[in-house]
Amino acid sequence: MRARNRPQQTSQFERIARLIKIAIDRDGNIYTAPVPRVSPSDIAPNSQRTIYKVDTQSGLMAPFLTLDGPDSTPVNPFGILGLTYDCDTHSLYATSVAGSDREQERGQIVRIDLATQTVVPQLTGLDAVGVGVVNRPEGKTLFFGTARASDVYSVLLDERGDLKGTP
């Protein structure tokens, strides 16, 4: 098992900046998104809104999809800050703060139907970081943390994985 002792990456990983968040689907595919290492110039303007997929068969990483929204700015070089996968609905959830500034939250939480690669907006105008889906007695629930306060919110999901109300 020597492979565990050396990095398993190609030059494509280096070109994308740092990859700090990951989600793994039921087939073993990995989804990830970049963050700048030091400054906004570390990554291409719209790549902070791009989700990359590492194919379980080939091990190669390629852009999967790019979320709608504004590009990075010197004030806010960040985009996608949270990813999680729900195996029941085969959905990927992503949180983004792209376009937000000191005065206004312009972030979003989206659900991506992995079977169709369809992006379904769930919440807009909010900066969320971590995100997770949990099966509870009262139903499937999406939890997320806010970027501007130490708050955690939850909201019930329907059978497709969409919100059933407000947090």
Foldseek 3Di string as FASTA:
>chain_A
DCCVVDDDDDVVCVLAADWDEWEAAPVGKIKTAHAHPPFLVSHPFQRLQWIWIQDPPPRDIDTDDGDDDGTADRQGSHFWAEWYADHQQRKIKTKTQPPDHPPWGFIFIWIARVVVRDIHTADGRFHWHYWDWDQDPVAIKIWTAGPPDRDIDIFHADSNGHGPDDD
